[in-house]
Amino acid sequence: MQQAVLSPSPVHQPTPDRIAAGERLVARLRGQIAGRMFTDALMTYARSGDASSYRLVPAAVVFINSEDEVRAVIAACRAEQLPLTFRAAGTSLSGRAVTDGVLAVLGDGWRKLDIHPGADQITLGPAIIVAWANAALKKFDRKIGPDPASQATCKIGGVVNNNSSGMCCGVAQNTYHTMARLRIVLADGTALDSGDPASCDAFRISHAKMLAGLHDLHHQVMADPDLVALIQKKYRIKNTVGYSLNALVDYHDPLDILIHLMVGSEGTLGFVSEVTYNTVPEHPFKSTALVPFPDPFAAASAISVLANNGVQVTTGVTAAEYIERRASATVEHLAPMAPLLPRLTETSPAVLIDVTAPTAQELETEVEKAVAVLSSNGATHIDFSTDEARSHALWDIRKGFFASGGAARPKGTSMLTEDVAAPIERLAEFVIAMRNLLDEHGYEDAIIFGHATAGNLHFQMSDDFATPGAAEKSDIFSKALSDLVSIRIRRLAQGRTWHRPRHRALCRGRMGEQGLWPDAPDQGAVRPRKPAQSRRAAQCRCQGAHQKPQGHAAGR
C-alpha cells in the first residue's frame, strides 16, 4: 500500500554490523567519490525519510554525480554486502527511496537538459525536475508525456524508475510509451545506450547470455495466449506497478525488452543515467471547468464518452479528474468552489476537465463538443473558462488533495494513500464499492479522487496506529480491497451487471446485504461475452532479431 504520513513514524536504525559496513564502504570510496559521504547519526537520520510514512536510517549516504561513481558505489556495496538504493527527489509516497543500507543520492552532475532540433525530442538527466523540462519546452508548445502531480519537485530518475504518469498522460504518454532512448548502468558496471548502435552491438556480444534468457522468456510468454491476453488487459489501464512485463509482449528484440523492463523497475535492474523522450504537444489554447453531477453514474456516463475509448488525445478533452463529494468537502472553503456549492448534494461528485486545441477556433469547437456530452449526461453546472489564473486555481485544488485531505484528518493519526484502477465503463460501480468498503471498515473520513479517463482512482484515509487493533483493521481492509480490485470488479467487467435504477438505489446508500455484486444472477445480469482473442498461441515475429544489431533499440 502506498503510504504518506503527517505524524511521527517509527525509526528503524541499521544494525551495528551494518553501521560498521557503512564505515568501511565510505573508506573504500575515498578518492573515488567527489561528492559528500556521511555515516554520522545526524546526517544519516536527515536522509532517512522520503515522502512516505516509512523511515529507515541508512548505514551510509553517498552523493553521486557520474557513471564512474555509480560503478564505484555498486562495487563497494557488493564488497561490503550492503543493499543499495538510489534517490532522486525522494517524493515517493510508498517508501521506494528509503533504506537501512547505502543511500545513493543524485547530485547536480545529472542535470543534463538538451532539446533536440524541432523540440520533438528532449534528452534529460535523472536529476532534472519535470517542471524544468516542461518550462524549457513551453516556447515550442511541447512537453514530456508524464505529468505527475508532484512535477514541481519530482525528478526524471524517479519518473522513469516508477513509470510515473499523471493527470493528462494516461497510459499512452507515460515513459514506457514515449521514451526514444535510454542509457543505463547495470549491476556489473556495463553501460548500455539504446540510441548508440556501437553500444548496442557491443552489448549483444558481452551480454549474449542475458539477451538469450530474455528471448526465451519472451517466447514462453507468447506461447501462452491466456497470459498474453492478461498482460495486454492489465496494461491498458493504470493497474500495474513495478516491472513493465508488457515489454515481453510488445517487443521481440531482447534488447528492446531489456530497455523497457527498466521502466518501472525502481532501480532494481540498474541505474538510469539518461533518457530521451519523444515530446507531446502542449497546445497553447485551453479551457477548464469544474463540473458537478447529481451522482456517480451521471459523471461516469459522461467520462466514458470523454475517454475516447481509451485513446489518448492532444486536441479535445485531455484531462478529466474525478472528485468525490467528500473530497470536495475538504476544499469547499476555497474561492473557486463557491459557484458549485449550491449544486452539490451529499453524494454529488465533480469532474475537473481540461479541453485543449492548437487554435482558438478549434478550442471553441472542442468545448462545444464537451458541453454537449456533459449536458446530455446530467451535469448540473457547466462553466468553461480560458482564464489562466482560474485554471491554475482549480488545478491547485486537485493537486492539493494530498495536503487538504491530510489537514482534515484527526490529530495524531497517520495518513494512508493508495492507487486502484478499474475499467472505465465500471467507474461508477467501482467508486460506490470503494466508498462502501471504506465506510464499512471504519474509514469514513477517507476521500476519493483520481484520473477518471484512465480508470485510476486514489483514496486517502487516516488512522491512529498506536491504538490497539488499528493495524489489524488495516490488514482486514487491505484484503477486502484486494478482493474488490482483483475479483469483484473483474467479475463485473466480464458482464455481470445490474440495471441502472438499482445502481441509483445503491448510490443513495441502500445497499443489499450481499454486497455490491452478489454471486447469484440478478434480473439485470447479462452473460459474459466470449473473449475475441484466438486460443492459439500468439505469433512471434522476432526470428533472428536477437542475433542482429538493431541500433536504436528503444522507441521503435
Protein backbone atom coordinates (compact mmCIF):
# COMPACT_ATOMS: atom_id res chain seq x y z
CA MET A 1 0.00 0.00 0.00
CA GLN A 2 1.27 3.44 -0.82
CA GLN A 3 1.53 5.50 2.32
CA ALA A 4 2.32 9.01 3.41
CA VAL A 5 2.37 10.36 6.90
CA LEU A 6 1.97 13.72 8.55
CA SER A 7 2.73 12.46 12.05
CA PRO A 8 5.78 10.85 13.71
CA SER A 9 6.71 7.37 12.49
CA PRO A 10 8.91 4.65 13.98
CA VAL A 11 12.62 4.97 13.26
CA HIS A 12 14.39 1.81 12.12
CA GLN A 13 18.11 2.03 12.82
CA PRO A 14 20.70 -0.06 10.96
CA THR A 15 22.28 -2.90 12.94
CA PRO A 16 25.77 -2.39 14.44
CA ASP A 17 27.23 -4.71 11.82
CA ARG A 18 25.62 -2.70 9.06
CA ILE A 19 26.84 0.58 10.57
CA ALA A 20 30.38 -0.82 10.61
CA ALA A 21 29.98 -1.94 7.00
CA GLY A 22 28.85 1.57 6.09
CA GLU A 23 32.02 2.99 7.63
CA ARG A 24 34.15 0.56 5.63
CA LEU A 25 32.25 1.40 2.45
CA VAL A 26 32.97 5.11 2.84
CA ALA A 27 36.64 4.31 3.45
CA ARG A 28 36.69 2.28 0.22
CA LEU A 29 35.16 5.13 -1.74
CA ARG A 30 37.50 7.89 -0.58
CA GLY A 31 39.33 9.14 -3.64
CA GLN A 32 36.68 7.70 -5.98
CA ILE A 33 33.69 9.85 -4.99
CA ALA A 34 33.91 13.61 -5.39
CA GLY A 35 30.60 14.25 -3.65
CA ARG A 36 29.77 14.18 0.02
CA MET A 37 29.59 10.98 2.06
CA PHE A 38 28.09 10.60 5.53
CA THR A 39 27.84 7.91 8.17
CA ASP A 40 27.22 10.07 11.26
CA ALA A 41 23.94 9.80 13.12
CA LEU A 42 22.72 13.30 12.29
CA MET A 43 23.21 13.26 8.53
CA THR A 44 22.01 9.69 8.06
CA TYR A 45 18.87 10.45 10.07
CA ALA A 46 18.31 13.60 7.97
CA ARG A 47 18.14 11.38 4.87
CA SER A 48 16.13 8.57 6.47
CA GLY A 49 12.71 9.54 5.14
CA ASP A 50 11.10 10.23 1.79
CA ALA A 51 7.51 11.46 1.30
CA SER A 52 6.09 8.21 2.70
CA SER A 53 5.37 7.04 6.22
CA TYR A 54 8.43 4.85 6.23
CA ARG A 55 11.71 5.86 7.86
CA LEU A 56 14.88 3.78 7.56
CA VAL A 57 18.17 5.24 8.72
CA PRO A 58 20.84 4.42 6.11
CA ALA A 59 24.19 3.00 7.11
CA ALA A 60 25.80 5.47 4.71
CA VAL A 61 24.73 8.34 2.48
CA VAL A 62 26.71 8.94 -0.71
CA PHE A 63 26.15 11.73 -3.24
CA ILE A 64 26.90 10.56 -6.78
CA ASN A 65 27.50 12.65 -9.90
CA SER A 66 28.76 10.37 -12.67
CA GLU A 67 28.53 6.87 -14.09
CA ASP A 68 32.02 6.09 -12.78
CA GLU A 69 30.83 6.97 -9.29
CA VAL A 70 27.78 4.73 -9.76
CA ARG A 71 30.10 1.85 -10.66
CA ALA A 72 32.30 2.56 -7.66
CA VAL A 73 29.35 2.58 -5.26
CA ILE A 74 27.95 -0.65 -6.72
CA ALA A 75 31.32 -2.36 -6.35
CA ALA A 76 31.77 -1.13 -2.77
CA CYS A 77 28.25 -2.27 -1.82
CA ARG A 78 28.92 -5.69 -3.28
CA ALA A 79 32.20 -5.94 -1.34
CA GLU A 80 30.51 -4.99 1.94
CA GLN A 81 27.30 -6.95 1.23
CA LEU A 82 25.17 -3.82 1.65
CA PRO A 83 21.91 -3.12 -0.19
CA LEU A 84 21.92 -0.04 -2.42
CA THR A 85 19.05 2.37 -3.02
CA PHE A 86 19.13 5.34 -5.41
CA ARG A 87 17.23 8.53 -4.62
CA ALA A 88 16.38 11.36 -6.99
CA ALA A 89 13.96 13.81 -5.33
CA GLY A 90 12.57 11.44 -2.70
CA THR A 91 8.92 12.27 -3.43
CA SER A 92 7.83 8.61 -3.26
CA LEU A 93 4.65 8.02 -1.28
CA SER A 94 5.40 4.32 -0.84
CA GLY A 95 8.89 4.17 0.63
CA ARG A 96 10.75 3.47 -2.61
CA ALA A 97 13.59 5.83 -1.67
CA VAL A 98 14.45 4.70 1.88
CA THR A 99 16.94 2.08 3.05
CA ASP A 100 18.96 0.95 6.04
CA GLY A 101 21.77 0.11 3.62
CA VAL A 102 23.50 2.59 1.34
CA LEU A 103 21.53 5.57 0.06
CA ALA A 104 23.00 6.99 -3.16
CA VAL A 105 21.58 10.48 -3.70
CA LEU A 106 21.76 12.12 -7.12
CA GLY A 107 23.92 15.23 -7.13
CA ASP A 108 23.99 18.14 -9.57
CA GLY A 109 26.06 16.20 -12.11
CA TRP A 110 22.91 14.66 -13.58
CA ARG A 111 21.21 17.87 -14.69
CA LYS A 112 21.54 17.47 -18.44
CA LEU A 113 18.76 19.12 -20.48
CA ASP A 114 19.13 19.08 -24.25
CA ILE A 115 16.23 19.99 -26.56
CA HIS A 116 16.66 18.39 -29.98
CA PRO A 117 16.06 20.37 -33.21
CA GLY A 118 12.35 20.97 -33.67
CA ALA A 119 11.73 20.09 -29.99
CA ASP A 120 10.24 16.73 -30.97
CA GLN A 121 12.67 15.11 -28.55
CA ILE A 122 14.43 16.10 -25.34
CA THR A 123 17.33 14.39 -23.56
CA LEU A 124 17.32 14.63 -19.78
CA GLY A 125 19.50 13.63 -16.88
CA PRO A 126 17.87 11.87 -13.91
CA ALA A 127 18.25 14.91 -11.61
CA ILE A 128 16.18 17.21 -13.83
CA ILE A 129 12.88 18.24 -12.26
CA VAL A 130 9.89 17.54 -14.51
CA ALA A 131 8.69 21.15 -14.34
CA TRP A 132 12.10 22.36 -15.53
CA ALA A 133 11.85 20.21 -18.66
CA ASN A 134 8.35 21.43 -19.43
CA ALA A 135 9.31 25.05 -18.82
CA ALA A 136 12.13 24.68 -21.35
CA LEU A 137 9.74 23.11 -23.89
CA LYS A 138 6.90 25.58 -23.36
CA LYS A 139 8.04 28.05 -26.02
CA PHE A 140 7.83 25.22 -28.55
CA ASP A 141 4.31 24.26 -27.41
CA ARG A 142 5.66 20.86 -26.36
CA LYS A 143 6.04 18.94 -23.10
CA ILE A 144 7.10 15.49 -21.92
CA GLY A 145 4.35 12.92 -21.57
CA PRO A 146 4.48 12.08 -17.84
CA ASP A 147 2.81 14.78 -15.73
CA PRO A 148 2.71 13.60 -12.09
CA ALA A 149 1.05 15.90 -9.57
CA SER A 150 4.46 16.31 -7.90
CA GLN A 151 6.07 17.56 -11.11
CA ALA A 152 7.22 20.78 -9.42
CA THR A 153 9.59 18.72 -7.26
CA CYS A 154 9.91 15.16 -8.61
CA LYS A 155 12.84 14.28 -10.83
CA ILE A 156 13.24 12.35 -14.06
CA GLY A 157 15.12 9.48 -12.42
CA GLY A 158 12.12 8.69 -10.26
CA VAL A 159 9.68 9.22 -13.12
CA VAL A 160 11.45 6.63 -15.28
CA ASN A 161 12.03 4.12 -12.49
CA ASN A 162 8.41 4.30 -11.32
CA ASN A 163 6.88 4.80 -14.78
CA SER A 164 5.04 7.77 -13.29
CA SER A 165 2.12 9.11 -15.26
CA GLY A 166 -0.21 11.84 -14.02
CA MET A 167 -3.42 13.68 -14.73
CA CYS A 168 -3.19 14.11 -18.50
CA CYS A 169 -0.82 11.48 -19.84
CA GLY A 170 -2.99 8.46 -19.18
CA VAL A 171 -1.25 5.23 -20.14
CA ALA A 172 -0.31 6.16 -23.70
CA GLN A 173 2.04 9.03 -22.81
CA ASN A 174 3.95 7.56 -19.87
CA THR A 175 7.70 6.92 -20.04
CA TYR A 176 7.28 3.38 -21.35
CA HIS A 177 5.45 4.63 -24.43
CA THR A 178 7.19 7.96 -25.05
CA MET A 179 10.87 7.29 -24.44
CA ALA A 180 13.02 7.23 -27.56
CA ARG A 181 16.26 6.21 -25.88
CA LEU A 182 17.60 5.10 -22.51
CA ARG A 183 21.12 4.99 -21.16
CA ILE A 184 21.64 2.64 -18.21
CA VAL A 185 24.37 1.23 -15.99
CA LEU A 186 23.85 -2.39 -14.96
CA ALA A 187 24.95 -4.02 -11.71
CA ASP A 188 28.11 -5.36 -13.36
CA GLY A 189 29.09 -1.81 -14.31
CA THR A 190 28.28 -2.13 -18.00
CA ALA A 191 26.77 0.93 -19.67
CA LEU A 192 24.19 0.44 -22.41
CA ASP A 193 22.95 3.27 -24.60
CA SER A 194 19.96 2.12 -26.63
CA GLY A 195 20.38 5.06 -29.02
CA ASP A 196 24.01 4.24 -29.86
CA PRO A 197 24.44 1.43 -32.44
CA ALA A 198 28.01 0.74 -31.31
CA SER A 199 26.90 0.40 -27.67
CA CYS A 200 24.09 -1.97 -28.69
CA ASP A 201 26.40 -4.07 -30.85
CA ALA A 202 28.94 -4.42 -28.06
CA PHE A 203 26.23 -5.30 -25.54
CA ARG A 204 24.85 -8.05 -27.77
CA ILE A 205 28.28 -9.68 -27.66
CA SER A 206 29.18 -9.07 -24.00
CA HIS A 207 25.74 -9.95 -22.63
CA ALA A 208 24.61 -12.56 -25.14
CA LYS A 209 23.58 -14.96 -22.36
CA MET A 210 21.36 -12.35 -20.70
CA LEU A 211 19.70 -11.46 -24.00
CA ALA A 212 19.18 -15.13 -24.82
CA GLY A 213 17.45 -15.57 -21.47
CA LEU A 214 15.14 -12.64 -22.20
CA HIS A 215 14.47 -14.05 -25.66
CA ASP A 216 13.48 -17.41 -24.17
CA LEU A 217 11.26 -15.71 -21.58
CA HIS A 218 9.57 -13.74 -24.35
CA HIS A 219 8.79 -16.97 -26.21
CA GLN A 220 7.45 -18.63 -23.07
CA VAL A 221 5.03 -15.76 -22.60
CA MET A 222 3.99 -15.60 -26.23
CA ALA A 223 3.28 -19.34 -26.23
CA ASP A 224 0.57 -18.84 -23.62
CA PRO A 225 -2.38 -16.95 -25.15
CA ASP A 226 -4.13 -16.59 -21.79
CA LEU A 227 -1.07 -14.94 -20.28
CA VAL A 228 -0.65 -12.66 -23.30
CA ALA A 229 -4.29 -11.59 -23.03
CA LEU A 230 -3.95 -10.98 -19.29
CA ILE A 231 -0.83 -8.82 -19.72
CA GLN A 232 -2.40 -6.80 -22.51
CA LYS A 233 -5.54 -6.27 -20.46
CA LYS A 234 -3.68 -5.28 -17.29
CA TYR A 235 -1.52 -2.69 -19.01
CA ARG A 236 -4.38 -0.98 -20.85
CA ILE A 237 -5.26 0.83 -17.62
CA LYS A 238 -3.22 2.14 -14.70
CA ASN A 239 -3.49 -1.09 -12.79
CA THR A 240 0.15 -2.12 -12.65
CA VAL A 241 3.30 -1.17 -10.77
CA GLY A 242 6.88 -2.40 -10.93
CA TYR A 243 8.45 -4.15 -13.89
CA SER A 244 6.93 -3.39 -17.29
CA LEU A 245 6.07 -7.00 -18.08
CA ASN A 246 4.20 -5.83 -21.16
CA ALA A 247 7.65 -5.48 -22.76
CA LEU A 248 7.67 -9.27 -23.07
CA VAL A 249 4.62 -8.98 -25.33
CA ASP A 250 5.17 -5.63 -27.03
CA TYR A 251 8.75 -6.25 -28.20
CA HIS A 252 10.62 -9.09 -29.86
CA ASP A 253 14.23 -7.91 -29.81
CA PRO A 254 15.57 -8.80 -26.33
CA LEU A 255 17.46 -5.51 -26.23
CA ASP A 256 14.18 -3.67 -26.63
CA ILE A 257 12.68 -5.87 -23.92
CA LEU A 258 15.53 -5.10 -21.52
CA ILE A 259 15.33 -1.34 -22.07
CA HIS A 260 11.58 -1.30 -21.49
CA LEU A 261 11.80 -3.58 -18.46
CA MET A 262 13.97 -0.88 -16.88
CA VAL A 263 10.95 1.43 -16.86
CA GLY A 264 9.18 0.93 -13.55
CA SER A 265 11.91 -1.33 -12.16
CA GLU A 266 12.54 1.02 -9.21
CA GLY A 267 16.32 0.80 -9.51
CA THR A 268 16.45 -2.98 -9.06
CA LEU A 269 17.76 -3.74 -12.57
CA GLY A 270 20.24 -0.91 -12.93
CA PHE A 271 20.80 2.83 -12.86
CA VAL A 272 19.19 5.17 -15.41
CA SER A 273 21.74 7.84 -16.31
CA GLU A 274 19.95 9.48 -19.24
CA VAL A 275 16.67 9.35 -21.13
CA THR A 276 15.46 10.83 -24.40
CA TYR A 277 11.74 11.47 -24.60
CA ASN A 278 9.56 11.93 -27.64
CA THR A 279 7.76 15.10 -26.61
CA VAL A 280 4.00 15.58 -26.98
CA PRO A 281 2.02 18.68 -27.99
CA GLU A 282 1.17 21.24 -25.33
CA HIS A 283 -1.44 23.27 -27.17
CA PRO A 284 -1.49 26.98 -26.29
CA PHE A 285 -5.29 27.24 -26.12
CA LYS A 286 -7.01 25.68 -23.13
CA SER A 287 -10.36 25.89 -21.39
CA THR A 288 -11.07 24.49 -17.92
CA ALA A 289 -14.22 23.70 -15.94
CA LEU A 290 -15.08 22.02 -12.68
CA VAL A 291 -18.35 20.26 -13.49
CA PRO A 292 -20.70 18.84 -10.81
CA PHE A 293 -23.01 15.88 -11.42
CA PRO A 294 -26.03 14.61 -9.48
CA ASP A 295 -24.44 11.21 -8.79
CA PRO A 296 -21.51 8.97 -9.77
CA PHE A 297 -23.43 7.32 -12.59
CA ALA A 298 -24.07 10.58 -14.41
CA ALA A 299 -20.41 11.50 -14.03
CA ALA A 300 -19.20 8.08 -15.16
CA SER A 301 -21.52 8.12 -18.15
CA ALA A 302 -20.04 11.41 -19.32
CA ILE A 303 -16.49 10.24 -18.63
CA SER A 304 -17.00 7.06 -20.66
CA VAL A 305 -17.69 9.25 -23.70
CA LEU A 306 -14.98 11.80 -22.96
CA ALA A 307 -12.43 8.99 -22.54
CA ASN A 308 -12.49 8.42 -26.30
CA ASN A 309 -12.41 4.63 -25.89
CA GLY A 310 -9.13 4.90 -24.04
CA VAL A 311 -7.31 6.58 -26.94
CA GLN A 312 -5.13 9.42 -25.65
CA VAL A 313 -5.68 12.72 -27.49
CA THR A 314 -3.89 16.06 -27.51
CA THR A 315 -6.80 18.02 -29.00
CA GLY A 316 -10.10 17.94 -27.16
CA VAL A 317 -10.57 16.65 -23.60
CA THR A 318 -7.05 15.98 -22.36
CA ALA A 319 -7.83 15.60 -18.66
CA ALA A 320 -10.84 14.61 -16.58
CA GLU A 321 -10.28 14.25 -12.84
CA TYR A 322 -12.99 12.61 -10.74
CA ILE A 323 -13.59 14.25 -7.34
CA GLU A 324 -15.90 12.52 -4.88
CA ARG A 325 -18.09 14.74 -2.69
CA ARG A 326 -16.18 14.01 0.50
CA ALA A 327 -13.01 15.11 -1.26
CA SER A 328 -14.51 18.36 -2.48
CA ALA A 329 -15.81 18.99 1.06
CA THR A 330 -12.21 19.38 2.26
CA VAL A 331 -11.69 22.33 -0.11
CA GLU A 332 -15.16 23.88 -0.33
CA HIS A 333 -13.96 26.92 1.64
CA LEU A 334 -11.75 27.92 -1.30
CA ALA A 335 -13.00 30.64 -3.68
CA PRO A 336 -13.05 28.56 -6.91
CA MET A 337 -15.51 26.16 -5.27
CA ALA A 338 -18.13 28.82 -4.49
CA PRO A 339 -20.15 28.54 -7.76
CA LEU A 340 -20.57 24.79 -7.26
CA LEU A 341 -21.71 24.67 -3.65
CA PRO A 342 -25.44 25.34 -4.27
CA ARG A 343 -25.49 22.44 -6.72
CA LEU A 344 -23.72 19.84 -4.60
CA THR A 345 -25.64 17.25 -2.59
CA GLU A 346 -24.13 14.81 -0.11
CA THR A 347 -23.20 12.42 -2.91
CA SER A 348 -22.56 14.79 -5.85
CA PRO A 349 -19.18 14.24 -7.48
CA ALA A 350 -17.44 16.79 -9.68
CA VAL A 351 -15.12 16.34 -12.65
CA LEU A 352 -12.27 18.74 -13.39
CA ILE A 353 -11.91 18.96 -17.17
CA ASP A 354 -9.32 20.46 -19.49
CA VAL A 355 -10.03 20.97 -23.19
CA THR A 356 -7.05 21.97 -25.34
CA ALA A 357 -6.51 22.85 -29.01
CA PRO A 358 -3.88 24.38 -31.29
CA THR A 359 -6.10 27.34 -32.27
CA ALA A 360 -8.80 29.42 -30.62
CA GLN A 361 -11.36 28.36 -33.23
CA GLU A 362 -10.62 24.66 -32.72
CA LEU A 363 -10.83 25.16 -28.97
CA GLU A 364 -14.30 26.67 -29.31
CA THR A 365 -15.39 23.66 -31.36
CA GLU A 366 -13.94 21.16 -28.87
CA VAL A 367 -15.54 22.93 -25.90
CA GLU A 368 -18.92 22.79 -27.65
CA LYS A 369 -18.48 19.03 -28.10
CA ALA A 370 -17.60 18.60 -24.44
CA VAL A 371 -20.53 20.72 -23.28
CA ALA A 372 -22.91 18.63 -25.38
CA VAL A 373 -21.64 15.42 -23.77
CA LEU A 374 -21.77 16.86 -20.26
CA SER A 375 -25.26 18.31 -20.72
CA SER A 376 -26.68 15.10 -22.13
CA ASN A 377 -25.38 13.23 -19.09
CA GLY A 378 -26.92 15.44 -16.43
CA ALA A 379 -24.16 17.88 -15.50
CA THR A 380 -25.69 20.49 -13.21
CA HIS A 381 -23.29 23.40 -13.83
CA ILE A 382 -21.03 23.86 -16.88
CA ASP A 383 -18.80 26.92 -16.98
CA PHE A 384 -15.70 26.55 -19.14
CA SER A 385 -13.21 29.36 -18.93
CA THR A 386 -9.98 30.22 -20.73
CA ASP A 387 -8.82 32.37 -17.81
CA GLU A 388 -5.37 31.03 -16.97
CA ALA A 389 -5.46 32.16 -13.34
CA ARG A 390 -8.76 30.38 -12.76
CA SER A 391 -7.46 27.23 -14.41
CA HIS A 392 -4.39 27.25 -12.19
CA ALA A 393 -6.57 27.77 -9.12
CA LEU A 394 -8.78 24.80 -9.99
CA TRP A 395 -5.81 22.55 -10.68
CA ASP A 396 -4.13 23.67 -7.48
CA ILE A 397 -7.20 22.34 -5.68
CA ARG A 398 -6.86 18.97 -7.39
CA LYS A 399 -3.11 18.75 -6.82
CA GLY A 400 -3.58 19.81 -3.22
CA PHE A 401 -5.88 16.97 -2.09
CA PHE A 402 -2.92 15.25 -0.50
CA ALA A 403 -2.47 18.27 1.76
CA SER A 404 -6.14 19.18 2.23
CA GLY A 405 -7.12 15.59 2.95
CA GLY A 406 -4.24 15.29 5.37
CA ALA A 407 -5.22 18.51 7.14
CA ALA A 408 -8.76 17.20 7.66
CA ARG A 409 -7.67 14.03 9.45
CA PRO A 410 -7.87 13.73 13.25
CA LYS A 411 -4.85 14.94 15.17
CA GLY A 412 -2.24 12.28 15.84
CA THR A 413 -3.27 9.98 13.01
CA SER A 414 -1.25 8.77 10.04
CA MET A 415 -2.48 9.32 6.51
CA LEU A 416 -2.51 6.44 4.06
CA THR A 417 -2.94 6.78 0.32
CA GLU A 418 -3.50 4.14 -2.34
CA ASP A 419 -3.91 3.84 -6.10
CA VAL A 420 -6.50 1.48 -7.55
CA ALA A 421 -7.86 1.04 -11.05
CA ALA A 422 -10.91 -0.32 -12.80
CA PRO A 423 -12.35 -0.46 -16.32
CA ILE A 424 -13.66 2.98 -17.24
CA GLU A 425 -17.08 1.58 -18.09
CA ARG A 426 -17.41 0.40 -14.47
CA LEU A 427 -16.15 3.58 -12.84
CA ALA A 428 -19.42 4.42 -11.04
CA GLU A 429 -19.85 0.96 -9.56
CA PHE A 430 -16.22 0.98 -8.52
CA VAL A 431 -16.46 4.36 -6.78
CA ILE A 432 -19.57 3.26 -4.89
CA ALA A 433 -17.94 -0.03 -3.92
CA MET A 434 -14.83 1.82 -2.72
CA ARG A 435 -16.93 4.23 -0.66
CA ASN A 436 -18.87 1.40 0.98
CA LEU A 437 -15.70 -0.58 1.62
CA LEU A 438 -14.02 2.36 3.34
CA ASP A 439 -17.08 3.15 5.43
CA GLU A 440 -17.67 -0.47 6.43
CA HIS A 441 -14.10 -0.75 7.73
CA GLY A 442 -14.23 2.44 9.78
CA TYR A 443 -12.53 4.85 7.38
CA GLU A 444 -15.44 7.26 6.98
CA ASP A 445 -13.08 10.26 6.67
CA ALA A 446 -11.46 8.83 3.54
CA ILE A 447 -11.62 10.82 0.29
CA ILE A 448 -11.62 9.50 -3.28
CA PHE A 449 -10.35 11.26 -6.41
CA GLY A 450 -8.33 10.41 -9.48
CA HIS A 451 -7.70 10.16 -13.20
CA ALA A 452 -11.14 9.28 -14.48
CA THR A 453 -10.35 8.74 -18.16
CA ALA A 454 -7.66 6.24 -17.17
CA GLY A 455 -9.90 4.40 -14.69
CA ASN A 456 -7.36 5.25 -11.98
CA LEU A 457 -8.54 6.40 -8.56
CA HIS A 458 -6.67 7.49 -5.44
CA PHE A 459 -8.04 7.37 -1.96
CA GLN A 460 -6.70 8.78 1.27
CA MET A 461 -7.64 7.63 4.74
CA SER A 462 -6.25 8.04 8.22
CA ASP A 463 -5.90 6.05 11.42
CA ASP A 464 -4.04 6.12 14.71
CA PHE A 465 -1.79 3.09 14.56
CA ALA A 466 -0.85 3.47 18.20
CA THR A 467 -4.41 2.37 19.00
CA PRO A 468 -4.82 -1.37 19.73
CA GLY A 469 -6.39 -3.15 16.77
CA ALA A 470 -5.64 -0.42 14.21
CA ALA A 471 -3.03 -2.46 12.35
CA GLU A 472 -5.32 -5.49 12.28
CA LYS A 473 -8.18 -3.35 10.98
CA SER A 474 -5.93 -2.05 8.21
CA ASP A 475 -4.92 -5.59 7.29
CA ILE A 476 -8.54 -6.73 7.05
CA PHE A 477 -9.35 -3.70 4.90
CA SER A 478 -6.37 -4.37 2.61
CA LYS A 479 -7.52 -7.93 1.99
CA ALA A 480 -11.05 -6.72 1.21
CA LEU A 481 -9.61 -4.10 -1.13
CA SER A 482 -7.60 -6.77 -2.93
CA ASP A 483 -10.74 -8.84 -3.35
CA LEU A 484 -12.61 -5.83 -4.75
CA VAL A 485 -9.92 -4.88 -7.27
CA SER A 486 -8.85 -8.36 -8.32
CA ILE A 487 -12.07 -10.37 -8.19
CA ARG A 488 -15.31 -8.45 -7.74
CA ILE A 489 -14.66 -5.67 -10.25
CA ARG A 490 -13.25 -8.24 -12.69
CA ARG A 491 -16.45 -10.27 -12.38
CA LEU A 492 -18.47 -7.16 -13.07
CA ALA A 493 -16.28 -6.20 -16.05
CA GLN A 494 -16.93 -9.62 -17.57
CA GLY A 495 -20.55 -8.69 -17.96
CA ARG A 496 -22.29 -9.38 -14.64
CA THR A 497 -24.08 -6.12 -14.03
CA TRP A 498 -27.33 -4.64 -12.76
CA HIS A 499 -29.87 -2.30 -14.21
CA ARG A 500 -29.20 1.40 -13.79
CA PRO A 501 -32.21 2.05 -11.46
CA ARG A 502 -30.81 -0.41 -8.96
CA HIS A 503 -27.44 1.36 -9.25
CA ARG A 504 -29.21 4.59 -8.39
CA ALA A 505 -30.54 2.99 -5.22
CA LEU A 506 -27.07 1.85 -4.28
CA CYS A 507 -25.79 5.36 -4.91
CA ARG A 508 -28.23 6.62 -2.31
CA GLY A 509 -26.86 4.13 0.21
CA ARG A 510 -29.46 1.36 0.03
CA MET A 511 -27.03 -1.49 -0.38
CA GLY A 512 -28.23 -5.07 -0.07
CA GLU A 513 -26.80 -7.44 2.48
CA GLN A 514 -24.98 -9.44 -0.19
CA GLY A 515 -22.70 -6.54 -1.18
CA LEU A 516 -22.30 -4.74 -4.46
CA TRP A 517 -22.01 -7.82 -6.69
CA PRO A 518 -23.83 -10.91 -5.36
CA ASP A 519 -22.85 -14.30 -6.72
CA ALA A 520 -26.42 -15.16 -7.67
CA PRO A 521 -27.52 -13.86 -11.10
CA ASP A 522 -29.64 -10.73 -10.94
CA GLN A 523 -32.63 -9.88 -13.09
CA GLY A 524 -30.47 -7.34 -14.90
CA ALA A 525 -27.45 -9.56 -15.35
CA VAL A 526 -26.08 -10.28 -18.80
CA ARG A 527 -23.94 -13.18 -19.89
CA PRO A 528 -20.21 -12.61 -20.20
CA ARG A 529 -19.04 -12.18 -23.76
CA LYS A 530 -16.58 -14.68 -25.15
CA PRO A 531 -13.08 -13.24 -25.49
CA ALA A 532 -12.31 -12.11 -29.01
CA GLN A 533 -8.72 -13.36 -28.89
CA SER A 534 -7.94 -16.64 -30.56
CA ARG A 535 -6.93 -19.51 -28.28
CA ARG A 536 -3.94 -20.25 -30.50
CA ALA A 537 -0.51 -19.26 -29.25
CA ALA A 538 0.41 -15.72 -30.21
CA GLN A 539 2.70 -15.48 -33.21
CA CYS A 540 6.21 -14.14 -32.58
CA ARG A 541 7.86 -12.04 -35.25
CA CYS A 542 11.34 -11.99 -33.71
CA GLN A 543 13.05 -14.70 -35.77
CA GLY A 544 16.71 -13.78 -35.78
CA ALA A 545 16.12 -10.35 -34.28
CA HIS A 546 18.14 -11.20 -31.18
CA GLN A 547 21.14 -12.00 -33.35
CA LYS A 548 21.21 -8.80 -35.39
CA PRO A 549 22.45 -5.38 -34.28
CA GLN A 550 19.33 -3.23 -34.23
CA GLY A 551 20.87 0.14 -33.38
CA HIS A 552 18.21 2.39 -31.90
CA ALA A 553 16.63 -0.25 -29.72
CA ALA A 554 14.17 1.85 -27.74
CA GLY A 555 11.42 3.81 -29.36
CA ARG A 556 10.51 1.63 -32.33
